[in-house]
């Protein structure tokens, strides 16, 4: 069997010459050498030792399947099969359906690894880019003028380009062209993913500091007498962190200073929604209800809620000093005295005002209101100034 033995020897040498960086002629030589072995097997019976030798060489070729697929890709192997079909009808060649012409089908694990890696990399890019874009969108939402317009346009172009690229890669993956996603492309994508994740992490880490900066800047500008700038600072703070109850409260105060009372009311309500124990917000909303709508009953309910909230804050040690607690509590009591006065509960109003004066003797407002209360009490016959206690509880929202 010299012809079969010669074909097997040539097949063995072709496999030895097959390296991960070989050219396509070496790869084709292996496949054609295996064709010649198949042809010789069809014309003469092999001996057991030759069959064993062929099995060993076939195993060696199958072990190189992944290398060949990575080197040339499924598309190239398919082109070779198409070219090979022209000779498959000849009796001197085995069928084109022979397994060695479909080595790409024997290395699915490599494609799977590439696809999985690609999905992970794109996932990292998409998630981090989404966070970056959303943060920039929030940051730029308060920016007006040419700079804000240009920056938002750049962000839009970046997102649009990224979406198009993702669509292309998903199409490539679904079409089985995983070989186009290897090598330098994967390396570049890995670097890009690390870059975006790092930027997103840094932005996430710095976000609280940026929020604090704009919030503090708004407070400073408001105390300096500016009107419009603090509003834009607080709006940007809320855009970056919608759950910042203090920023909502400060924005409400800023709206009040420019007589935008409807917006101020909404911001006070937002502050309470995000922090149910924010006594300042209850105080501000109650004061606004009386000043703008003369709605003393609603104000009384809100201020009583604020007095409950401030005690919870004091119990939780949320105040930096006793002076802050005294100042806010006295403001709540002063506004409740006003609500009582508006509802003609003169005795209750007087009691609250005397407590406020005891807490803050130098505050002029409670002295002024107390004078009005005493004047009204002087007009009422003895014993008529104190209303029914059940009526007070009903209007104030208290149960006991």
Protein backbone atom coordinates (compact mmCIF):
# COMPACT_ATOMS: atom_id res chain seq x y z
CA UNK A 1 0.00 0.00 0.00
CA UNK A 2 2.61 2.51 -0.95
CA UNK A 3 0.07 5.04 -2.28
CA UNK A 4 -1.98 5.09 0.97
CA UNK A 5 1.16 5.17 3.12
CA UNK A 6 2.54 8.03 1.03
CA UNK A 7 -0.73 9.96 1.33
CA UNK A 8 -0.72 9.45 5.12
CA UNK A 9 2.90 10.63 5.37
CA UNK A 10 2.06 13.76 3.33
CA UNK A 11 -0.97 14.34 5.56
CA UNK A 12 1.20 14.05 8.67
CA UNK A 13 3.77 16.50 7.31
CA UNK A 14 1.03 19.00 6.36
CA UNK A 15 -0.31 18.93 9.91
CA UNK A 16 3.19 19.53 11.30
CA UNK A 17 3.54 22.55 9.02
CA UNK A 18 0.21 23.92 10.29
CA UNK A 19 0.95 26.71 12.79
CA UNK A 20 -1.33 29.38 14.32
CA UNK A 21 0.25 31.98 12.01
CA UNK A 22 0.49 29.90 8.84
CA UNK A 23 -0.72 31.20 5.49
CA UNK A 24 -3.80 29.94 3.72
CA UNK A 25 -1.83 27.73 1.34
CA UNK A 26 -0.56 25.65 4.29
CA UNK A 27 -4.12 25.31 5.60
CA UNK A 28 -5.43 24.27 2.19
CA UNK A 29 -2.57 21.78 1.87
CA UNK A 30 -3.78 19.99 5.01
CA UNK A 31 -7.35 19.75 3.74
CA UNK A 32 -6.28 18.53 0.31
CA UNK A 33 -3.87 16.04 1.92
CA UNK A 34 -6.80 14.65 3.88
CA UNK A 35 -8.74 14.44 0.61
CA UNK A 36 -5.95 12.29 -0.88
CA UNK A 37 -6.00 9.99 2.15
CA UNK A 38 -9.76 9.55 1.73
CA UNK A 39 -9.32 8.85 -1.98
CA UNK A 40 -6.70 6.14 -1.30
CA UNK A 41 -8.88 4.58 1.39
CA UNK A 42 -11.67 4.22 -1.17
CA UNK A 43 -9.45 2.30 -3.58
CA UNK A 44 -7.55 -0.04 -1.26
CA UNK A 45 -8.24 -1.65 2.11
CA UNK A 46 -6.09 -0.26 4.94
CA UNK A 47 -4.20 -2.20 7.57
CA UNK A 48 -5.07 -1.71 11.25
CA UNK A 49 -1.88 0.24 11.93
CA UNK A 50 -2.66 2.68 9.09
CA UNK A 51 -6.22 3.15 10.36
CA UNK A 52 -4.85 3.94 13.83
CA UNK A 53 -2.38 6.36 12.28
CA UNK A 54 -5.15 8.14 10.36
CA UNK A 55 -7.26 8.41 13.52
CA UNK A 56 -4.37 10.01 15.41
CA UNK A 57 -3.75 12.51 12.62
CA UNK A 58 -7.47 13.32 12.39
CA UNK A 59 -7.53 14.05 16.10
CA UNK A 60 -4.56 16.34 15.65
CA UNK A 61 -6.34 18.19 12.84
CA UNK A 62 -9.56 18.53 14.87
CA UNK A 63 -7.52 19.97 17.72
CA UNK A 64 -6.32 22.69 15.32
CA UNK A 65 -9.86 23.55 14.22
CA UNK A 66 -10.14 26.53 16.57
CA UNK A 67 -6.75 27.88 15.41
CA UNK A 68 -7.77 27.66 11.77
CA UNK A 69 -11.11 29.30 12.42
CA UNK A 70 -9.52 32.12 14.40
CA UNK A 71 -6.85 32.58 11.75
CA UNK A 72 -9.04 32.64 8.65
CA UNK A 73 -12.64 32.88 9.85
CA UNK A 74 -15.83 31.07 8.90
CA UNK A 75 -16.32 33.18 5.79
CA UNK A 76 -12.95 32.13 4.32
CA UNK A 77 -13.56 28.45 5.10
CA UNK A 78 -16.93 28.74 3.39
CA UNK A 79 -15.21 30.20 0.29
CA UNK A 80 -12.85 27.22 0.24
CA UNK A 81 -15.80 24.86 0.36
CA UNK A 82 -17.43 26.67 -2.56
CA UNK A 83 -14.25 26.36 -4.60
CA UNK A 84 -13.94 22.70 -3.62
CA UNK A 85 -17.48 21.91 -4.85
CA UNK A 86 -16.32 22.18 -8.45
CA UNK A 87 -14.21 19.04 -8.04
CA UNK A 88 -16.49 17.07 -5.72
CA UNK A 89 -18.26 15.36 -8.63
CA UNK A 90 -15.03 13.76 -9.73
CA UNK A 91 -14.55 10.17 -8.70
CA UNK A 92 -11.02 10.94 -7.62
CA UNK A 93 -12.17 13.28 -4.79
CA UNK A 94 -14.29 12.53 -1.73
CA UNK A 95 -17.58 14.33 -1.12
CA UNK A 96 -17.50 18.02 -0.18
CA UNK A 97 -19.52 17.01 2.89
CA UNK A 98 -16.38 15.53 4.43
CA UNK A 99 -15.87 16.77 8.01
CA UNK A 100 -12.44 18.34 7.46
CA UNK A 101 -13.96 20.99 5.19
CA UNK A 102 -16.20 22.08 8.08
CA UNK A 103 -13.62 22.69 10.76
CA UNK A 104 -15.29 26.03 11.62
CA UNK A 105 -18.31 24.06 12.84
CA UNK A 106 -16.03 22.18 15.23
CA UNK A 107 -14.90 25.33 17.11
CA UNK A 108 -18.11 26.93 18.40
CA UNK A 109 -16.59 27.53 21.82
CA UNK A 110 -14.20 30.13 20.43
CA UNK A 111 -16.98 32.06 18.71
CA UNK A 112 -19.02 31.82 21.89
CA UNK A 113 -16.17 33.29 23.91
CA UNK A 114 -15.75 36.12 21.43
CA UNK A 115 -19.46 36.86 21.35
CA UNK A 116 -19.72 36.76 25.14
CA UNK A 117 -16.70 39.06 25.53
CA UNK A 118 -18.14 41.43 22.98
CA UNK A 119 -21.50 41.57 24.76
CA UNK A 120 -19.76 42.19 28.10
CA UNK A 121 -17.64 44.99 26.64
CA UNK A 122 -20.60 46.63 24.93
CA UNK A 123 -22.67 46.19 28.07
CA UNK A 124 -20.03 48.05 30.08
CA UNK A 125 -19.88 50.80 27.46
CA UNK A 126 -23.67 51.18 27.22
CA UNK A 127 -24.28 51.23 30.98
CA UNK A 128 -21.46 53.64 31.75
CA UNK A 129 -22.25 55.84 28.75
CA UNK A 130 -25.91 55.97 29.77
CA UNK A 131 -24.90 57.18 33.23
CA UNK A 132 -22.48 59.74 31.76
CA UNK A 133 -25.04 61.06 29.26
CA UNK A 134 -27.82 61.24 31.85
CA UNK A 135 -25.53 63.10 34.28
CA UNK A 136 -24.47 65.52 31.54
CA UNK A 137 -28.07 66.00 30.45
CA UNK A 138 -29.08 66.88 34.00
CA UNK A 139 -26.08 69.15 34.44
CA UNK A 140 -26.72 70.96 31.16
CA UNK A 141 -30.49 71.20 31.64
CA UNK A 142 -30.01 74.46 33.51
CA UNK A 143 -27.42 75.83 31.08
CA UNK A 144 -28.75 78.45 28.69
CA UNK A 145 -27.04 80.23 25.83
CA UNK A 146 -24.60 79.14 23.15
CA UNK A 147 -22.37 77.01 25.42
CA UNK A 148 -25.24 74.92 26.73
CA UNK A 149 -26.64 74.40 23.22
CA UNK A 150 -23.27 73.32 21.80
CA UNK A 151 -22.55 70.93 24.66
CA UNK A 152 -25.96 69.30 24.43
CA UNK A 153 -25.52 68.91 20.66
CA UNK A 154 -22.16 67.18 21.21
CA UNK A 155 -23.73 64.79 23.71
CA UNK A 156 -26.50 63.99 21.20
CA UNK A 157 -23.96 63.23 18.45
CA UNK A 158 -21.98 60.99 20.81
CA UNK A 159 -25.05 59.00 21.78
CA UNK A 160 -26.24 58.72 18.18
CA UNK A 161 -22.86 57.45 16.97
CA UNK A 162 -22.66 54.92 19.77
CA UNK A 163 -26.15 53.57 19.08
CA UNK A 164 -25.33 53.11 15.38
CA UNK A 165 -22.11 51.28 16.23
CA UNK A 166 -23.92 49.01 18.70
CA UNK A 167 -26.52 48.16 16.04
CA UNK A 168 -23.75 47.23 13.59
CA UNK A 169 -22.04 44.96 16.09
CA UNK A 170 -25.26 43.24 17.11
CA UNK A 171 -26.01 42.57 13.43
CA UNK A 172 -22.52 41.13 12.96
CA UNK A 173 -22.94 38.88 15.97
CA UNK A 174 -26.33 37.61 14.81
CA UNK A 175 -25.00 36.90 11.33
CA UNK A 176 -22.21 34.75 12.76
CA UNK A 177 -19.35 37.05 11.72
CA UNK A 178 -17.64 36.81 15.08
CA UNK A 179 -14.23 36.70 13.47
CA UNK A 180 -14.58 40.37 12.61
CA UNK A 181 -14.75 41.18 16.28
CA UNK A 182 -11.39 39.82 17.34
CA UNK A 183 -7.84 41.06 17.59
CA UNK A 184 -7.23 44.77 17.60
CA UNK A 185 -10.97 45.57 17.48
CA UNK A 186 -11.60 43.68 20.73
CA UNK A 187 -8.56 45.35 22.31
CA UNK A 188 -9.78 48.80 21.29
CA UNK A 189 -13.24 48.02 22.59
CA UNK A 190 -11.78 46.81 25.86
CA UNK A 191 -9.86 50.07 26.27
CA UNK A 192 -12.99 52.04 25.38
CA UNK A 193 -15.04 50.11 27.92
CA UNK A 194 -12.48 50.70 30.67
CA UNK A 195 -12.37 54.40 29.75
CA UNK A 196 -16.14 54.88 29.93
CA UNK A 197 -16.48 52.85 33.13
CA UNK A 198 -13.70 54.90 34.74
CA UNK A 199 -15.30 58.18 33.68
CA UNK A 200 -18.69 57.02 34.98
CA UNK A 201 -17.18 55.96 38.30
CA UNK A 202 -15.38 59.29 38.73
CA UNK A 203 -18.58 61.19 37.90
CA UNK A 204 -20.56 59.06 40.34
CA UNK A 205 -17.93 59.70 43.04
CA UNK A 206 -17.86 63.47 42.41
CA UNK A 207 -21.62 63.94 41.96
CA UNK A 208 -22.38 64.60 45.68
CA UNK A 209 -19.62 67.21 45.78
CA UNK A 210 -20.99 68.96 42.69
CA UNK A 211 -24.50 68.93 44.17
CA UNK A 212 -23.19 70.39 47.43
CA UNK A 213 -21.21 73.06 45.57
CA UNK A 214 -24.20 74.39 43.62
CA UNK A 215 -26.48 74.21 46.66
CA UNK A 216 -24.04 76.17 48.83
CA UNK A 217 -23.42 78.65 46.04
CA UNK A 218 -27.15 79.31 45.78
CA UNK A 219 -27.38 79.92 49.53
CA UNK A 220 -24.46 82.35 49.40
CA UNK A 221 -25.91 84.29 46.48
CA UNK A 222 -29.34 84.51 48.14
CA UNK A 223 -27.83 85.98 51.30
CA UNK A 224 -25.94 88.45 49.11
CA UNK A 225 -29.27 89.75 47.82
CA UNK A 226 -29.24 88.16 44.35
CA UNK A 227 -32.58 86.92 43.08
CA UNK A 228 -32.27 85.01 39.79
CA UNK A 229 -28.90 83.30 40.25
CA UNK A 230 -29.88 81.31 43.36
CA UNK A 231 -32.89 79.91 41.50
CA UNK A 232 -30.69 78.57 38.68
CA UNK A 233 -28.24 77.10 41.24
CA UNK A 234 -30.98 75.26 43.10
CA UNK A 235 -32.57 74.08 39.86
CA UNK A 236 -29.27 72.57 38.78
CA UNK A 237 -28.84 70.96 42.20
CA UNK A 238 -32.27 69.36 41.93
CA UNK A 239 -31.60 68.29 38.35
CA UNK A 240 -28.50 66.41 39.52
CA UNK A 241 -30.18 65.04 42.65
CA UNK A 242 -34.01 65.24 42.59
CA UNK A 243 -34.21 63.75 46.12
CA UNK A 244 -32.35 66.66 47.74
CA UNK A 245 -35.08 67.97 50.08
CA UNK A 246 -32.96 70.88 51.29
CA UNK A 247 -32.48 72.08 47.70
CA UNK A 248 -36.26 71.93 47.14
CA UNK A 249 -36.77 73.99 50.31
CA UNK A 250 -34.15 76.56 49.30
CA UNK A 251 -35.67 76.82 45.83
CA UNK A 252 -39.08 77.43 47.40
CA UNK A 253 -37.64 80.26 49.48
CA UNK A 254 -35.97 81.70 46.35
CA UNK A 255 -39.28 81.57 44.44
CA UNK A 256 -40.99 83.36 47.33
CA UNK A 257 -38.43 86.15 47.12
CA UNK A 258 -39.45 86.84 43.50
CA UNK A 259 -43.19 86.44 44.23
CA UNK A 260 -43.59 83.17 42.29
CA UNK A 261 -45.77 81.70 45.01
CA UNK A 262 -47.25 78.84 42.97
CA UNK A 263 -43.81 77.46 42.21
CA UNK A 264 -42.74 78.02 45.81
CA UNK A 265 -45.69 75.95 47.05
CA UNK A 266 -44.79 73.06 44.72
CA UNK A 267 -41.19 73.08 45.93
CA UNK A 268 -42.24 73.09 49.59
CA UNK A 269 -44.43 70.07 48.86
CA UNK A 270 -41.51 68.35 47.05
CA UNK A 271 -39.28 68.94 50.06
CA UNK A 272 -41.88 67.32 52.34
CA UNK A 273 -42.34 64.45 49.89
CA UNK A 274 -38.61 63.65 49.94
CA UNK A 275 -38.18 64.26 53.66
CA UNK A 276 -41.31 63.90 55.77
CA UNK A 277 -39.44 65.16 58.86
CA UNK A 278 -38.35 68.46 57.33
CA UNK A 279 -39.95 70.88 59.77
CA UNK A 280 -38.72 73.93 57.83
CA UNK A 281 -40.75 72.91 54.79
CA UNK A 282 -43.94 72.50 56.86
CA UNK A 283 -43.29 75.93 58.38
CA UNK A 284 -42.71 77.58 55.00
CA UNK A 285 -45.74 75.95 53.37
CA UNK A 286 -47.97 76.86 56.32
CA UNK A 287 -46.78 80.47 56.23
CA UNK A 288 -47.40 80.62 52.47
CA UNK A 289 -50.94 79.25 52.89
CA UNK A 290 -51.77 82.10 55.26
CA UNK A 291 -49.94 84.88 53.43
CA UNK A 292 -51.35 84.14 49.99
CA UNK A 293 -54.70 82.41 50.51
CA UNK A 294 -55.67 83.23 54.09
CA UNK A 295 -56.15 79.47 54.50
CA UNK A 296 -55.57 79.34 58.25
CA UNK A 297 -57.06 75.88 58.77
CA UNK A 298 -54.68 74.26 56.25
CA UNK A 299 -51.80 76.23 57.70
CA UNK A 300 -52.66 75.03 61.20
CA UNK A 301 -52.58 71.38 60.09
CA UNK A 302 -49.26 71.85 58.31
CA UNK A 303 -47.62 73.66 61.21
CA UNK A 304 -48.77 71.03 63.72
CA UNK A 305 -47.18 68.42 61.45
CA UNK A 306 -44.03 70.54 61.46
CA UNK A 307 -44.00 70.64 65.26
CA UNK A 308 -44.21 66.84 65.34
CA UNK A 309 -41.43 66.65 62.73
CA UNK A 310 -39.10 68.98 64.63
CA UNK A 311 -39.34 66.85 67.75
CA UNK A 312 -38.44 63.79 65.67
CA UNK A 313 -35.47 65.70 64.26
CA UNK A 314 -34.38 66.75 67.74
CA UNK A 315 -34.67 63.17 68.99
CA UNK A 316 -32.54 61.99 66.03
CA UNK A 317 -29.89 64.66 66.80
CA UNK A 318 -30.26 66.24 63.36
CA UNK A 319 -29.65 69.80 64.58
CA UNK A 320 -26.08 71.04 64.76
CA UNK A 321 -26.89 73.27 67.72
CA UNK A 322 -29.67 74.01 70.20
CA UNK A 323 -29.97 77.46 68.66
CA UNK A 324 -31.13 75.96 65.35
CA UNK A 325 -33.78 73.91 67.14
CA UNK A 326 -34.99 76.95 69.10
CA UNK A 327 -35.08 79.15 66.01
CA UNK A 328 -37.14 76.71 63.94
CA UNK A 329 -39.47 75.78 66.78
CA UNK A 330 -40.12 79.43 67.61
CA UNK A 331 -40.90 80.10 63.92
CA UNK A 332 -43.38 77.21 63.89
CA UNK A 333 -45.04 78.43 67.09
CA UNK A 334 -45.16 81.99 65.75
CA UNK A 335 -46.87 80.86 62.55
CA UNK A 336 -49.25 78.66 64.51
CA UNK A 337 -50.13 81.67 66.66
CA UNK A 338 -50.89 83.55 63.45
CA UNK A 339 -53.12 80.67 62.26
CA UNK A 340 -54.91 80.61 65.60
CA UNK A 341 -55.38 84.37 65.39
CA UNK A 342 -56.82 84.06 61.88
CA UNK A 343 -59.25 81.42 63.15
CA UNK A 344 -60.14 83.63 66.16
CA UNK A 345 -58.60 81.19 68.65
CA UNK A 346 -57.20 84.05 70.65
CA UNK A 347 -56.29 82.24 73.85
CA UNK A 348 -54.31 79.56 71.96
CA UNK A 349 -52.63 82.26 69.88
CA UNK A 350 -51.63 84.14 73.02
CA UNK A 351 -50.21 80.99 74.63
CA UNK A 352 -48.03 80.24 71.60
CA UNK A 353 -46.83 83.83 71.33
CA UNK A 354 -45.81 83.97 74.97
CA UNK A 355 -43.83 80.76 74.51
CA UNK A 356 -42.12 82.23 71.42
CA UNK A 357 -41.21 85.38 73.33
CA UNK A 358 -39.81 83.23 76.11
CA UNK A 359 -37.66 81.33 73.58
CA UNK A 360 -36.57 84.43 71.61
CA UNK A 361 -37.16 87.61 73.58
CA UNK A 362 -35.49 89.87 71.02
CA UNK A 363 -37.66 88.78 68.09
CA UNK A 364 -40.01 91.69 67.32
CA UNK A 365 -42.69 89.88 65.24
CA UNK A 366 -44.31 87.89 68.09
CA UNK A 367 -44.50 91.03 70.27
CA UNK A 368 -46.35 92.82 67.47
CA UNK A 369 -48.80 89.96 66.93
CA UNK A 370 -49.33 89.54 70.66
CA UNK A 371 -50.39 93.20 70.85
CA UNK A 372 -53.03 92.54 68.18
CA UNK A 373 -54.24 89.43 70.00
CA UNK A 374 -54.58 91.31 73.29
CA UNK A 375 -56.51 94.08 71.53
CA UNK A 376 -58.97 91.54 70.12
CA UNK A 377 -59.32 89.81 73.47
CA UNK A 378 -60.12 93.11 75.11
CA UNK A 379 -63.11 93.48 72.77
CA UNK A 380 -64.56 90.11 73.77
CA UNK A 381 -66.56 89.52 76.95
CA UNK A 382 -64.80 87.42 79.62
CA UNK A 383 -64.84 83.67 78.95
CA UNK A 384 -65.68 84.05 75.23
CA UNK A 385 -62.16 84.06 73.82
CA UNK A 386 -61.59 80.36 74.28
CA UNK A 387 -63.34 78.26 71.60
CA UNK A 388 -64.50 74.69 71.96
CA UNK A 389 -61.52 72.29 72.22
CA UNK A 390 -63.09 69.73 69.86
CA UNK A 391 -63.35 72.40 67.17
CA UNK A 392 -59.66 73.25 67.57
CA UNK A 393 -58.65 69.59 67.25
CA UNK A 394 -60.77 69.22 64.12
CA UNK A 395 -59.27 72.26 62.41
CA UNK A 396 -55.70 71.57 63.45
CA UNK A 397 -55.77 67.93 62.43
CA UNK A 398 -54.86 66.69 65.92
CA UNK A 399 -56.59 63.69 67.48
CA UNK A 400 -55.73 64.39 71.08
